[in-house]
Amino acid sequence: MIHPELKAHCDRFIALNDRMEELREELDRIKRKDTWYKAIILLFGLLMFVVGFVGVLDEGLNVENATALALGIPALYIVRRAEKAKERILNEYEQLHLKSELLDRKLQSAHSRLRYEKEEKLRGNMMLVDWDGRPAISFSAVSAYAILEPEGSWVKVDAADVSNSGKVIPDKPSFHATFSDQYHKAIIAHAVSLAVDADTNLDWVTYYEKHSVSAKKII
């Protein structure tokens, strides 16, 4: 479950981006119609020129010209309305884009702050443990990591077992000294396990991709 603060920011971010996707689709529809109506105006303009040019000079507005005007003027009116609609959409899109960028920065900032706070809390609760001759780190009653074999990497293990059967080592120098022979290289990478736990329920990008219509279309 995503952190409530990130979820609130992310839901607003999703609403903005989905609205922007709706505007893009609306603009595409208007552009398609606009192309057709411009073609109609061009067609009837040519009709007026070819059929009615001589008649306009000799007799004024003839029937063919009147028909062309009757059909071409509404098309021109629709094109002008489409231009106004495009302008409205682009203005709204620009405003939403600016808001979306601001929210994106807020999300990134909130994520960094929450992650830092969580790392600090984890460090405060962290215990270095000799777990049956293997190096282990306990972050809480439900979170612990250990190196199960020499040259291995940190893996999540049974936190209760680490807590119950492990021997707590008081400080880092003692911890490194205890496992300096076989486990030294892996031990210095223990921050990896810290980062894994610190990111728990802070992944707003995955939440966005699962809930945003615009993200699903891009994917």
N, C-alpha and C. Protein backbone atom coordinates (compact mmCIF):
# COMPACT_ATOMS: atom_id res chain seq x y z
N MET A 1 0.84 -1.19 0.00
CA MET A 1 0.00 0.00 0.00
C MET A 1 0.88 1.25 0.00
N ILE A 2 0.63 2.15 -0.92
CA ILE A 2 1.44 3.35 -1.03
C ILE A 2 1.22 4.27 0.17
N HIS A 3 2.27 4.99 0.53
CA HIS A 3 2.20 5.93 1.66
C HIS A 3 1.08 6.95 1.39
N PRO A 4 0.23 7.26 2.41
CA PRO A 4 -0.92 8.17 2.20
C PRO A 4 -0.54 9.53 1.63
N GLU A 5 0.59 10.10 2.07
CA GLU A 5 0.99 11.41 1.55
C GLU A 5 1.32 11.33 0.07
N LEU A 6 2.05 10.28 -0.32
CA LEU A 6 2.38 10.12 -1.74
C LEU A 6 1.13 9.81 -2.55
N LYS A 7 0.22 9.04 -1.98
CA LYS A 7 -1.02 8.71 -2.69
C LYS A 7 -1.84 9.97 -2.98
N ALA A 8 -1.92 10.88 -2.01
CA ALA A 8 -2.68 12.12 -2.22
C ALA A 8 -2.08 12.94 -3.35
N HIS A 9 -0.75 13.10 -3.34
CA HIS A 9 -0.08 13.83 -4.42
C HIS A 9 -0.28 13.10 -5.75
N CYS A 10 -0.13 11.80 -5.71
CA CYS A 10 -0.17 11.00 -6.94
C CYS A 10 -1.58 11.00 -7.55
N ASP A 11 -2.61 10.97 -6.72
CA ASP A 11 -3.98 11.00 -7.25
C ASP A 11 -4.26 12.31 -7.98
N ARG A 12 -3.75 13.41 -7.45
CA ARG A 12 -3.90 14.70 -8.14
C ARG A 12 -3.09 14.69 -9.45
N PHE A 13 -1.91 14.10 -9.40
CA PHE A 13 -1.06 14.00 -10.58
C PHE A 13 -1.74 13.15 -11.66
N ILE A 14 -2.36 12.07 -11.24
CA ILE A 14 -3.08 11.19 -12.17
C ILE A 14 -4.25 11.92 -12.81
N ALA A 15 -5.04 12.65 -11.99
CA ALA A 15 -6.19 13.39 -12.51
C ALA A 15 -5.76 14.42 -13.56
N LEU A 16 -4.67 15.13 -13.28
CA LEU A 16 -4.16 16.12 -14.23
C LEU A 16 -3.72 15.48 -15.54
N ASN A 17 -2.95 14.41 -15.43
CA ASN A 17 -2.41 13.78 -16.64
C ASN A 17 -3.49 13.07 -17.45
N ASP A 18 -4.50 12.52 -16.77
CA ASP A 18 -5.60 11.91 -17.50
C ASP A 18 -6.44 12.96 -18.21
N ARG A 19 -6.62 14.12 -17.57
CA ARG A 19 -7.33 15.23 -18.23
C ARG A 19 -6.53 15.71 -19.44
N MET A 20 -5.21 15.77 -19.32
CA MET A 20 -4.38 16.17 -20.45
C MET A 20 -4.51 15.16 -21.60
N GLU A 21 -4.64 13.89 -21.25
CA GLU A 21 -4.84 12.86 -22.29
C GLU A 21 -6.18 13.07 -22.99
N GLU A 22 -7.22 13.42 -22.23
CA GLU A 22 -8.54 13.70 -22.83
C GLU A 22 -8.46 14.88 -23.79
N LEU A 23 -7.71 15.92 -23.38
CA LEU A 23 -7.56 17.09 -24.24
C LEU A 23 -6.82 16.75 -25.52
N ARG A 24 -5.80 15.90 -25.42
CA ARG A 24 -5.06 15.48 -26.62
C ARG A 24 -6.00 14.75 -27.59
N GLU A 25 -6.85 13.88 -27.05
CA GLU A 25 -7.78 13.14 -27.90
C GLU A 25 -8.81 14.07 -28.53
N GLU A 26 -9.30 15.04 -27.74
CA GLU A 26 -10.27 16.01 -28.27
C GLU A 26 -9.64 16.84 -29.37
N LEU A 27 -8.40 17.25 -29.17
CA LEU A 27 -7.70 18.04 -30.18
C LEU A 27 -7.50 17.24 -31.47
N ASP A 28 -7.20 15.96 -31.34
CA ASP A 28 -7.04 15.11 -32.53
C ASP A 28 -8.35 15.01 -33.30
N ARG A 29 -9.48 14.88 -32.58
CA ARG A 29 -10.79 14.80 -33.25
C ARG A 29 -11.09 16.10 -34.00
N ILE A 30 -10.81 17.23 -33.34
CA ILE A 30 -11.07 18.53 -33.98
C ILE A 30 -10.20 18.70 -35.22
N LYS A 31 -8.95 18.28 -35.13
CA LYS A 31 -8.04 18.42 -36.28
C LYS A 31 -8.52 17.58 -37.46
N ARG A 32 -9.03 16.36 -37.16
CA ARG A 32 -9.54 15.51 -38.25
C ARG A 32 -10.74 16.16 -38.94
N LYS A 33 -11.68 16.69 -38.13
CA LYS A 33 -12.84 17.35 -38.70
C LYS A 33 -12.42 18.61 -39.45
N ASP A 34 -11.48 19.33 -38.88
CA ASP A 34 -10.99 20.57 -39.48
C ASP A 34 -10.45 20.31 -40.88
N THR A 35 -9.75 19.22 -41.04
CA THR A 35 -9.18 18.88 -42.36
C THR A 35 -10.29 18.66 -43.38
N TRP A 36 -11.35 17.96 -42.95
CA TRP A 36 -12.46 17.71 -43.87
C TRP A 36 -13.16 19.00 -44.27
N TYR A 37 -13.43 19.86 -43.31
CA TYR A 37 -14.14 21.10 -43.60
C TYR A 37 -13.30 22.04 -44.46
N LYS A 38 -12.00 22.06 -44.25
CA LYS A 38 -11.14 22.88 -45.11
C LYS A 38 -11.14 22.34 -46.54
N ALA A 39 -11.22 21.03 -46.66
CA ALA A 39 -11.30 20.43 -47.99
C ALA A 39 -12.61 20.82 -48.68
N ILE A 40 -13.70 20.88 -47.89
CA ILE A 40 -14.99 21.28 -48.45
C ILE A 40 -14.94 22.72 -48.94
N ILE A 41 -14.35 23.61 -48.11
CA ILE A 41 -14.22 25.02 -48.50
C ILE A 41 -13.41 25.15 -49.78
N LEU A 42 -12.32 24.41 -49.87
CA LEU A 42 -11.49 24.45 -51.08
C LEU A 42 -12.26 23.95 -52.29
N LEU A 43 -13.02 22.87 -52.11
CA LEU A 43 -13.77 22.28 -53.21
C LEU A 43 -14.80 23.27 -53.76
N PHE A 44 -15.56 23.88 -52.85
CA PHE A 44 -16.58 24.81 -53.31
C PHE A 44 -15.99 26.13 -53.79
N GLY A 45 -14.81 26.48 -53.27
CA GLY A 45 -14.14 27.64 -53.83
C GLY A 45 -13.76 27.41 -55.28
N LEU A 46 -13.24 26.21 -55.56
CA LEU A 46 -12.90 25.87 -56.94
C LEU A 46 -14.15 25.83 -57.81
N LEU A 47 -15.26 25.32 -57.21
CA LEU A 47 -16.51 25.24 -57.97
C LEU A 47 -16.99 26.64 -58.36
N MET A 48 -16.90 27.56 -57.38
CA MET A 48 -17.30 28.95 -57.69
C MET A 48 -16.44 29.54 -58.80
N PHE A 49 -15.15 29.24 -58.74
CA PHE A 49 -14.24 29.82 -59.74
C PHE A 49 -14.50 29.24 -61.13
N VAL A 50 -14.63 27.92 -61.19
CA VAL A 50 -14.75 27.25 -62.49
C VAL A 50 -16.12 27.47 -63.11
N VAL A 51 -17.18 27.30 -62.30
CA VAL A 51 -18.54 27.35 -62.86
C VAL A 51 -19.09 28.77 -62.91
N GLY A 52 -18.76 29.57 -61.91
CA GLY A 52 -19.46 30.85 -61.81
C GLY A 52 -18.68 32.08 -62.18
N PHE A 53 -17.40 31.93 -62.54
CA PHE A 53 -16.60 33.13 -62.80
C PHE A 53 -17.19 33.98 -63.93
N VAL A 54 -17.51 33.33 -65.03
CA VAL A 54 -18.06 34.06 -66.18
C VAL A 54 -19.43 34.63 -65.83
N GLY A 55 -20.22 33.82 -65.09
CA GLY A 55 -21.57 34.28 -64.73
C GLY A 55 -21.53 35.49 -63.82
N VAL A 56 -20.56 35.53 -62.91
CA VAL A 56 -20.43 36.67 -62.00
C VAL A 56 -20.12 37.93 -62.78
N LEU A 57 -19.27 37.81 -63.80
CA LEU A 57 -18.90 38.98 -64.61
C LEU A 57 -20.08 39.47 -65.46
N ASP A 58 -20.85 38.51 -65.99
CA ASP A 58 -21.90 38.87 -66.94
C ASP A 58 -23.25 39.14 -66.28
N GLU A 59 -23.60 38.35 -65.28
CA GLU A 59 -24.96 38.39 -64.78
C GLU A 59 -25.06 38.58 -63.28
N GLY A 60 -23.91 38.72 -62.59
CA GLY A 60 -23.98 38.78 -61.13
C GLY A 60 -23.93 37.39 -60.55
N LEU A 61 -24.52 37.21 -59.40
CA LEU A 61 -24.48 35.94 -58.69
C LEU A 61 -25.46 34.96 -59.31
N ASN A 62 -24.96 33.90 -59.95
CA ASN A 62 -25.85 32.93 -60.56
C ASN A 62 -26.19 31.81 -59.58
N VAL A 63 -26.95 30.84 -60.03
CA VAL A 63 -27.43 29.77 -59.17
C VAL A 63 -26.29 28.92 -58.64
N GLU A 64 -25.33 28.63 -59.52
CA GLU A 64 -24.21 27.78 -59.10
C GLU A 64 -23.40 28.45 -57.99
N ASN A 65 -23.15 29.76 -58.16
CA ASN A 65 -22.41 30.48 -57.13
C ASN A 65 -23.18 30.56 -55.82
N ALA A 66 -24.46 30.78 -55.94
CA ALA A 66 -25.30 30.84 -54.74
C ALA A 66 -25.27 29.52 -53.99
N THR A 67 -25.29 28.42 -54.73
CA THR A 67 -25.23 27.09 -54.10
C THR A 67 -23.88 26.89 -53.41
N ALA A 68 -22.81 27.28 -54.11
CA ALA A 68 -21.48 27.12 -53.53
C ALA A 68 -21.33 27.93 -52.26
N LEU A 69 -21.82 29.17 -52.26
CA LEU A 69 -21.75 30.00 -51.08
C LEU A 69 -22.58 29.42 -49.94
N ALA A 70 -23.76 28.92 -50.30
CA ALA A 70 -24.65 28.35 -49.27
C ALA A 70 -24.01 27.17 -48.57
N LEU A 71 -23.20 26.40 -49.30
CA LEU A 71 -22.53 25.25 -48.70
C LEU A 71 -21.19 25.61 -48.10
N GLY A 72 -20.48 26.57 -48.70
CA GLY A 72 -19.14 26.90 -48.24
C GLY A 72 -19.11 27.75 -47.00
N ILE A 73 -20.06 28.67 -46.86
CA ILE A 73 -20.07 29.57 -45.69
C ILE A 73 -20.24 28.80 -44.38
N PRO A 74 -21.20 27.83 -44.29
CA PRO A 74 -21.29 27.06 -43.04
C PRO A 74 -20.00 26.30 -42.72
N ALA A 75 -19.36 25.78 -43.77
CA ALA A 75 -18.09 25.07 -43.54
C ALA A 75 -17.04 26.01 -42.98
N LEU A 76 -17.01 27.24 -43.53
CA LEU A 76 -16.06 28.24 -43.03
C LEU A 76 -16.36 28.59 -41.57
N TYR A 77 -17.64 28.69 -41.25
CA TYR A 77 -18.05 28.99 -39.86
C TYR A 77 -17.59 27.87 -38.93
N ILE A 78 -17.74 26.63 -39.37
CA ILE A 78 -17.34 25.48 -38.55
C ILE A 78 -15.82 25.47 -38.34
N VAL A 79 -15.09 25.81 -39.40
CA VAL A 79 -13.63 25.86 -39.29
C VAL A 79 -13.20 26.92 -38.27
N ARG A 80 -13.87 28.07 -38.30
CA ARG A 80 -13.53 29.12 -37.34
C ARG A 80 -13.86 28.68 -35.91
N ARG A 81 -14.97 28.00 -35.75
CA ARG A 81 -15.30 27.46 -34.42
C ARG A 81 -14.27 26.45 -33.97
N ALA A 82 -13.79 25.64 -34.91
CA ALA A 82 -12.77 24.64 -34.59
C ALA A 82 -11.48 25.31 -34.15
N GLU A 83 -11.14 26.43 -34.80
CA GLU A 83 -9.92 27.16 -34.42
C GLU A 83 -10.03 27.68 -32.99
N LYS A 84 -11.21 28.20 -32.65
CA LYS A 84 -11.42 28.69 -31.28
C LYS A 84 -11.36 27.55 -30.27
N ALA A 85 -11.93 26.39 -30.65
CA ALA A 85 -11.89 25.22 -29.76
C ALA A 85 -10.46 24.74 -29.55
N LYS A 86 -9.67 24.76 -30.63
CA LYS A 86 -8.26 24.36 -30.51
C LYS A 86 -7.50 25.31 -29.59
N GLU A 87 -7.78 26.60 -29.72
CA GLU A 87 -7.12 27.58 -28.87
C GLU A 87 -7.47 27.36 -27.40
N ARG A 88 -8.77 27.07 -27.14
CA ARG A 88 -9.21 26.81 -25.77
C ARG A 88 -8.51 25.58 -25.20
N ILE A 89 -8.44 24.52 -26.00
CA ILE A 89 -7.82 23.26 -25.55
C ILE A 89 -6.33 23.47 -25.27
N LEU A 90 -5.65 24.17 -26.17
CA LEU A 90 -4.21 24.39 -25.99
C LEU A 90 -3.92 25.24 -24.75
N ASN A 91 -4.78 26.23 -24.49
CA ASN A 91 -4.61 27.06 -23.29
C ASN A 91 -4.79 26.22 -22.02
N GLU A 92 -5.85 25.40 -22.01
CA GLU A 92 -6.09 24.55 -20.83
C GLU A 92 -4.96 23.53 -20.67
N TYR A 93 -4.51 22.98 -21.79
CA TYR A 93 -3.44 21.99 -21.74
C TYR A 93 -2.16 22.60 -21.16
N GLU A 94 -1.85 23.82 -21.58
CA GLU A 94 -0.64 24.49 -21.09
C GLU A 94 -0.72 24.71 -19.58
N GLN A 95 -1.90 25.13 -19.12
CA GLN A 95 -2.08 25.35 -17.67
C GLN A 95 -1.93 24.04 -16.90
N LEU A 96 -2.54 22.97 -17.43
CA LEU A 96 -2.44 21.67 -16.77
C LEU A 96 -1.01 21.14 -16.79
N HIS A 97 -0.31 21.40 -17.88
CA HIS A 97 1.07 20.95 -18.00
C HIS A 97 1.95 21.60 -16.92
N LEU A 98 1.74 22.89 -16.69
CA LEU A 98 2.50 23.59 -15.65
C LEU A 98 2.18 23.02 -14.26
N LYS A 99 0.90 22.77 -14.02
CA LYS A 99 0.49 22.18 -12.73
C LYS A 99 1.07 20.78 -12.57
N SER A 100 1.08 20.03 -13.68
CA SER A 100 1.61 18.67 -13.64
C SER A 100 3.11 18.67 -13.31
N GLU A 101 3.85 19.60 -13.89
CA GLU A 101 5.29 19.69 -13.59
C GLU A 101 5.52 20.04 -12.12
N LEU A 102 4.68 20.94 -11.59
CA LEU A 102 4.80 21.33 -10.18
C LEU A 102 4.50 20.13 -9.27
N LEU A 103 3.46 19.38 -9.60
CA LEU A 103 3.11 18.21 -8.80
C LEU A 103 4.18 17.13 -8.89
N ASP A 104 4.77 17.00 -10.07
CA ASP A 104 5.84 16.02 -10.24
C ASP A 104 7.01 16.35 -9.30
N ARG A 105 7.35 17.65 -9.22
CA ARG A 105 8.43 18.06 -8.32
C ARG A 105 8.05 17.81 -6.85
N LYS A 106 6.78 18.05 -6.53
CA LYS A 106 6.31 17.79 -5.16
C LYS A 106 6.39 16.31 -4.83
N LEU A 107 6.02 15.47 -5.80
CA LEU A 107 6.10 14.02 -5.59
C LEU A 107 7.54 13.58 -5.36
N GLN A 108 8.44 14.07 -6.20
CA GLN A 108 9.84 13.70 -6.06
C GLN A 108 10.39 14.15 -4.71
N SER A 109 10.02 15.37 -4.31
CA SER A 109 10.49 15.92 -3.04
C SER A 109 9.93 15.12 -1.86
N ALA A 110 8.63 14.83 -1.92
CA ALA A 110 8.00 14.06 -0.84
C ALA A 110 8.60 12.67 -0.74
N HIS A 111 8.86 12.04 -1.91
CA HIS A 111 9.46 10.71 -1.91
C HIS A 111 10.84 10.73 -1.26
N SER A 112 11.66 11.72 -1.64
CA SER A 112 13.01 11.81 -1.08
C SER A 112 12.97 12.03 0.44
N ARG A 113 12.07 12.92 0.87
CA ARG A 113 11.97 13.21 2.30
C ARG A 113 11.50 12.00 3.09
N LEU A 114 10.44 11.34 2.59
CA LEU A 114 9.90 10.17 3.29
C LEU A 114 10.93 9.03 3.33
N ARG A 115 11.65 8.89 2.22
CA ARG A 115 12.66 7.82 2.17
C ARG A 115 13.78 8.10 3.17
N TYR A 116 14.20 9.35 3.25
CA TYR A 116 15.24 9.72 4.20
C TYR A 116 14.76 9.48 5.64
N GLU A 117 13.52 9.91 5.93
CA GLU A 117 12.98 9.71 7.27
C GLU A 117 12.90 8.22 7.61
N LYS A 118 12.53 7.42 6.61
CA LYS A 118 12.41 5.99 6.86
C LYS A 118 13.78 5.35 7.06
N GLU A 119 14.76 5.79 6.27
CA GLU A 119 16.11 5.28 6.45
C GLU A 119 16.64 5.61 7.85
N GLU A 120 16.38 6.84 8.29
CA GLU A 120 16.84 7.24 9.62
C GLU A 120 16.19 6.40 10.71
N LYS A 121 14.91 6.13 10.52
CA LYS A 121 14.21 5.30 11.50
C LYS A 121 14.75 3.87 11.50
N LEU A 122 15.02 3.36 10.30
CA LEU A 122 15.57 2.01 10.19
C LEU A 122 16.96 1.94 10.83
N ARG A 123 17.77 2.98 10.58
CA ARG A 123 19.10 2.99 11.18
C ARG A 123 19.01 3.04 12.71
N GLY A 124 18.02 3.78 13.20
CA GLY A 124 17.85 3.87 14.65
C GLY A 124 17.49 2.54 15.27
N ASN A 125 16.76 1.72 14.52
CA ASN A 125 16.33 0.42 15.05
C ASN A 125 17.27 -0.72 14.64
N MET A 126 18.29 -0.42 13.85
CA MET A 126 19.14 -1.47 13.28
C MET A 126 20.00 -2.15 14.35
N MET A 127 20.03 -3.46 14.28
CA MET A 127 20.91 -4.25 15.16
C MET A 127 21.82 -5.12 14.30
N LEU A 128 23.09 -5.12 14.62
CA LEU A 128 24.06 -5.98 13.95
C LEU A 128 24.13 -7.29 14.71
N VAL A 129 24.02 -8.39 13.98
CA VAL A 129 23.83 -9.68 14.64
C VAL A 129 24.77 -10.74 14.07
N ASP A 130 25.28 -11.56 14.98
CA ASP A 130 25.98 -12.79 14.58
C ASP A 130 24.92 -13.90 14.63
N TRP A 131 24.48 -14.28 13.45
CA TRP A 131 23.37 -15.26 13.37
C TRP A 131 23.94 -16.62 12.97
N ASP A 132 24.26 -17.42 13.98
CA ASP A 132 24.84 -18.75 13.76
C ASP A 132 26.09 -18.67 12.88
N GLY A 133 26.95 -17.68 13.17
CA GLY A 133 28.19 -17.55 12.43
C GLY A 133 28.06 -16.81 11.11
N ARG A 134 26.89 -16.27 10.87
CA ARG A 134 26.68 -15.51 9.62
C ARG A 134 26.29 -14.07 9.98
N PRO A 135 26.75 -13.11 9.19
CA PRO A 135 26.40 -11.72 9.48
C PRO A 135 24.93 -11.46 9.16
N ALA A 136 24.27 -10.76 10.05
CA ALA A 136 22.86 -10.43 9.84
C ALA A 136 22.59 -9.03 10.36
N ILE A 137 21.57 -8.41 9.79
CA ILE A 137 21.13 -7.09 10.22
C ILE A 137 19.63 -7.15 10.46
N SER A 138 19.22 -6.75 11.64
CA SER A 138 17.80 -6.72 11.97
C SER A 138 17.34 -5.27 12.02
N PHE A 139 16.30 -4.96 11.24
CA PHE A 139 15.75 -3.61 11.23
C PHE A 139 14.51 -3.49 12.11
N SER A 140 13.78 -4.58 12.24
CA SER A 140 12.56 -4.57 13.05
C SER A 140 12.17 -6.01 13.33
N ALA A 141 11.05 -6.18 14.00
CA ALA A 141 10.58 -7.53 14.33
C ALA A 141 10.18 -8.31 13.08
N VAL A 142 9.99 -7.59 11.96
CA VAL A 142 9.54 -8.28 10.74
C VAL A 142 10.52 -8.09 9.57
N SER A 143 11.65 -7.47 9.83
CA SER A 143 12.57 -7.20 8.72
C SER A 143 14.01 -7.47 9.14
N ALA A 144 14.62 -8.44 8.46
CA ALA A 144 16.03 -8.76 8.74
C ALA A 144 16.68 -9.30 7.47
N TYR A 145 17.99 -9.07 7.36
CA TYR A 145 18.75 -9.52 6.21
C TYR A 145 20.00 -10.24 6.70
N ALA A 146 20.47 -11.17 5.90
CA ALA A 146 21.68 -11.91 6.27
C ALA A 146 22.43 -12.34 5.02
N ILE A 147 23.74 -12.62 5.21
CA ILE A 147 24.54 -13.23 4.16
C ILE A 147 24.66 -14.70 4.52
N LEU A 148 24.10 -15.56 3.70
CA LEU A 148 23.98 -16.97 4.07
C LEU A 148 25.21 -17.80 3.72
N GLU A 149 26.07 -17.27 2.86
CA GLU A 149 27.29 -17.99 2.50
C GLU A 149 28.38 -17.00 2.12
N PRO A 150 29.64 -17.39 2.26
CA PRO A 150 30.75 -16.50 1.92
C PRO A 150 30.62 -15.99 0.48
N GLU A 151 30.95 -14.72 0.28
CA GLU A 151 30.86 -14.05 -1.03
C GLU A 151 29.42 -13.92 -1.52
N GLY A 152 28.48 -14.25 -0.65
CA GLY A 152 27.07 -14.11 -1.03
C GLY A 152 26.60 -12.67 -0.89
N SER A 153 25.33 -12.45 -1.14
CA SER A 153 24.77 -11.11 -1.02
C SER A 153 23.70 -11.10 0.07
N TRP A 154 23.27 -9.92 0.43
CA TRP A 154 22.27 -9.80 1.47
C TRP A 154 20.90 -10.27 0.95
N VAL A 155 20.27 -11.12 1.71
CA VAL A 155 18.93 -11.60 1.37
C VAL A 155 18.02 -11.45 2.58
N LYS A 156 16.74 -11.32 2.33
CA LYS A 156 15.79 -11.19 3.43
C LYS A 156 15.61 -12.56 4.09
N VAL A 157 15.60 -12.57 5.40
CA VAL A 157 15.49 -13.83 6.16
C VAL A 157 14.44 -13.68 7.25
N ASP A 158 14.24 -14.76 7.99
CA ASP A 158 13.26 -14.78 9.07
C ASP A 158 13.71 -13.86 10.21
N ALA A 159 13.01 -12.73 10.34
CA ALA A 159 13.42 -11.73 11.34
C ALA A 159 13.30 -12.27 12.76
N ALA A 160 12.26 -13.07 13.00
CA ALA A 160 12.06 -13.62 14.34
C ALA A 160 13.20 -14.56 14.72
N ASP A 161 13.65 -15.38 13.77
CA ASP A 161 14.74 -16.31 14.03
C ASP A 161 16.04 -15.55 14.31
N VAL A 162 16.28 -14.50 13.53
CA VAL A 162 17.48 -13.68 13.76
C VAL A 162 17.45 -13.08 15.15
N SER A 163 16.28 -12.56 15.53
CA SER A 163 16.14 -11.92 16.84
C SER A 163 16.29 -12.92 17.98
N ASN A 164 15.73 -14.12 17.80
CA ASN A 164 15.72 -15.10 18.89
C ASN A 164 17.03 -15.86 19.04
N SER A 165 17.65 -16.22 17.92
CA SER A 165 18.83 -17.08 18.02
C SER A 165 20.15 -16.36 17.75
N GLY A 166 20.07 -15.10 17.29
CA GLY A 166 21.29 -14.36 16.97
C GLY A 166 21.90 -13.68 18.19
N LYS A 167 23.18 -13.36 18.06
CA LYS A 167 23.90 -12.65 19.12
C LYS A 167 24.16 -11.22 18.64
N VAL A 168 23.64 -10.25 19.39
CA VAL A 168 23.79 -8.85 19.00
C VAL A 168 25.24 -8.40 19.16
N ILE A 169 25.76 -7.74 18.13
CA ILE A 169 27.12 -7.18 18.17
C ILE A 169 26.98 -5.67 18.39
N PRO A 170 27.68 -5.11 19.34
CA PRO A 170 27.40 -3.73 19.79
C PRO A 170 27.69 -2.63 18.79
N ASP A 171 28.68 -2.79 17.92
CA ASP A 171 29.02 -1.68 17.03
C ASP A 171 29.58 -2.20 15.70
N LYS A 172 29.72 -1.29 14.74
CA LYS A 172 30.18 -1.68 13.41
C LYS A 172 31.61 -2.22 13.39
N PRO A 173 32.55 -1.57 14.10
CA PRO A 173 33.91 -2.12 14.08
C PRO A 173 33.95 -3.57 14.55
N SER A 174 33.21 -3.88 15.62
CA SER A 174 33.17 -5.26 16.12
C SER A 174 32.51 -6.19 15.10
N PHE A 175 31.49 -5.67 14.45
CA PHE A 175 30.78 -6.46 13.43
C PHE A 175 31.73 -6.81 12.28
N HIS A 176 32.46 -5.81 11.80
CA HIS A 176 33.40 -6.04 10.70
C HIS A 176 34.54 -6.96 11.14
N ALA A 177 34.98 -6.78 12.38
CA ALA A 177 36.07 -7.63 12.88
C ALA A 177 35.63 -9.08 13.00
N THR A 178 34.40 -9.29 13.39
CA THR A 178 33.88 -10.65 13.57
C THR A 178 33.84 -11.41 12.25
N PHE A 179 33.50 -10.70 11.18
CA PHE A 179 33.33 -11.36 9.88
C PHE A 179 34.34 -10.85 8.83
N SER A 180 35.50 -10.45 9.29
CA SER A 180 36.47 -9.84 8.38
C SER A 180 37.07 -10.81 7.37
N ASP A 181 37.01 -12.10 7.66
CA ASP A 181 37.68 -13.05 6.76
C ASP A 181 36.82 -13.39 5.54
N GLN A 182 35.70 -14.03 5.75
CA GLN A 182 34.93 -14.55 4.61
C GLN A 182 33.86 -13.58 4.10
N TYR A 183 33.34 -12.74 4.95
CA TYR A 183 32.16 -11.94 4.58
C TYR A 183 32.45 -10.45 4.38
N HIS A 184 33.68 -10.07 4.39
CA HIS A 184 34.01 -8.65 4.42
C HIS A 184 33.42 -7.86 3.24
N LYS A 185 33.60 -8.36 2.03
CA LYS A 185 33.14 -7.63 0.84
C LYS A 185 31.63 -7.43 0.85
N ALA A 186 30.90 -8.45 1.24
CA ALA A 186 29.44 -8.34 1.24
C ALA A 186 28.94 -7.45 2.37
N ILE A 187 29.65 -7.46 3.48
CA ILE A 187 29.22 -6.67 4.63
C ILE A 187 29.20 -5.18 4.32
N ILE A 188 30.18 -4.72 3.57
CA ILE A 188 30.25 -3.28 3.30
C ILE A 188 29.10 -2.83 2.40
N ALA A 189 28.36 -3.77 1.84
CA ALA A 189 27.21 -3.42 0.99
C ALA A 189 25.89 -3.51 1.75
N HIS A 190 25.91 -3.48 3.08
CA HIS A 190 24.67 -3.67 3.83
C HIS A 190 23.66 -2.54 3.61
N ALA A 191 24.13 -1.41 3.06
CA ALA A 191 23.20 -0.31 2.78
C ALA A 191 22.15 -0.73 1.75
N VAL A 192 22.46 -1.73 0.94
CA VAL A 192 21.50 -2.21 -0.05
C VAL A 192 20.23 -2.69 0.63
N SER A 193 20.38 -3.49 1.69
CA SER A 193 19.21 -4.00 2.39
C SER A 193 18.44 -2.86 3.05
N LEU A 194 19.17 -1.85 3.52
CA LEU A 194 18.52 -0.69 4.11
C LEU A 194 17.67 0.02 3.06
N ALA A 195 18.22 0.20 1.86
CA ALA A 195 17.50 0.89 0.79
C ALA A 195 16.25 0.13 0.37
N VAL A 196 16.34 -1.21 0.34
CA VAL A 196 15.19 -2.02 -0.04
C VAL A 196 14.03 -1.78 0.92
N ASP A 197 14.29 -1.81 2.21
CA ASP A 197 13.24 -1.59 3.19
C ASP A 197 12.76 -0.14 3.18
N ALA A 198 13.67 0.79 2.94
CA ALA A 198 13.30 2.20 2.94
C ALA A 198 12.34 2.53 1.81
N ASP A 199 12.41 1.79 0.71
CA ASP A 199 11.54 2.06 -0.43
C ASP A 199 10.16 1.40 -0.30
N THR A 200 9.97 0.59 0.70
CA THR A 200 8.68 -0.08 0.88
C THR A 200 7.57 0.95 1.02
N ASN A 201 6.51 0.80 0.23
CA ASN A 201 5.31 1.64 0.15
C ASN A 201 5.60 3.09 -0.25
N LEU A 202 6.77 3.35 -0.87
CA LEU A 202 7.08 4.68 -1.37
C LEU A 202 7.14 4.72 -2.90
N ASP A 203 6.82 3.62 -3.55
CA ASP A 203 6.94 3.54 -5.01
C ASP A 203 5.71 4.17 -5.67
N TRP A 204 5.73 5.48 -5.87
CA TRP A 204 4.58 6.16 -6.46
C TRP A 204 4.51 5.96 -7.98
N VAL A 205 5.66 5.66 -8.62
CA VAL A 205 5.66 5.48 -10.07
C VAL A 205 4.82 4.26 -10.47
N THR A 206 4.99 3.15 -9.75
CA THR A 206 4.20 1.95 -10.03
C THR A 206 2.72 2.22 -9.78
N TYR A 207 2.42 2.94 -8.71
CA TYR A 207 1.03 3.30 -8.40
C TYR A 207 0.44 4.12 -9.54
N TYR A 208 1.22 5.08 -10.04
CA TYR A 208 0.76 5.92 -11.14
C TYR A 208 0.46 5.08 -12.39
N GLU A 209 1.38 4.18 -12.71
CA GLU A 209 1.21 3.36 -13.91
C GLU A 209 0.00 2.43 -13.82
N LYS A 210 -0.33 2.01 -12.61
CA LYS A 210 -1.46 1.10 -12.42
C LYS A 210 -2.81 1.83 -12.46
N HIS A 211 -2.82 3.12 -12.10
CA HIS A 211 -4.09 3.83 -11.94
C HIS A 211 -4.35 4.91 -12.98
N SER A 212 -3.35 5.27 -13.76
CA SER A 212 -3.52 6.36 -14.71
C SER A 212 -3.89 5.85 -16.09
N VAL A 213 -4.96 6.42 -16.64
CA VAL A 213 -5.38 6.06 -18.00
C VAL A 213 -4.30 6.44 -19.00
N SER A 214 -3.73 7.64 -18.86
CA SER A 214 -2.72 8.10 -19.81
C SER A 214 -1.47 7.23 -19.76
N ALA A 215 -1.08 6.79 -18.56
CA ALA A 215 0.10 5.93 -18.44
C ALA A 215 -0.14 4.59 -19.10
N LYS A 216 -1.35 4.02 -18.94
CA LYS A 216 -1.65 2.73 -19.55
C LYS A 216 -1.60 2.81 -21.07
N LYS A 217 -2.01 3.96 -21.63
CA LYS A 217 -1.99 4.11 -23.10
C LYS A 217 -0.56 4.19 -23.59
N ILE A 218 0.31 4.86 -22.82
CA ILE A 218 1.71 4.96 -23.21
C ILE A 218 2.38 3.59 -23.14
N ILE A 219 2.07 2.83 -22.08
CA ILE A 219 2.65 1.50 -21.90
C ILE A 219 2.12 0.56 -22.97
